[in-house]
Amino acid sequence: MDTPPTTPVFNQLYQAPGAAQPPVSDGLAIASLVLGICSLVLFCFWHVALPAAIAGLICAKLSPTHTPLRRAGMICSIIALSLAGVALLLAIVGFGIMGLIAAAAAGRP
């Protein structure tokens, strides 16, 4: 009974102790950061910035890792959400004041 010589099979994923770990990419954290930055840039267009900021917050909350990308995306989304909310509020107040001025100019109370 001859047995064939066996060669050791090494795990392909094995790394030497102390070796650098491969970087872990988290798609939700990256999406959160991208949406947060886009909503910051477009905060004057509140109809685009509000949904993007909300989606960025949701992506940051659903991200399984606690990386700086996730934190930066959450911070950008919160700032953009507040700026877009202020822009929306100013638009509503501005249109209301313009309506009052137009009504006063037309002689209606």
Foldseek 3Di string as FASTA:
>chain_A
DDDDDDDDDDDPPDDDPPDDDDDDDWPLLQLLLVLLVVLLVVLLVLVSNQVSLVSSCVSLVPTPDDDVSSVNSPVSSVVSNVSSVVSVVVVVVVVVVVVVVVCVVVVHD
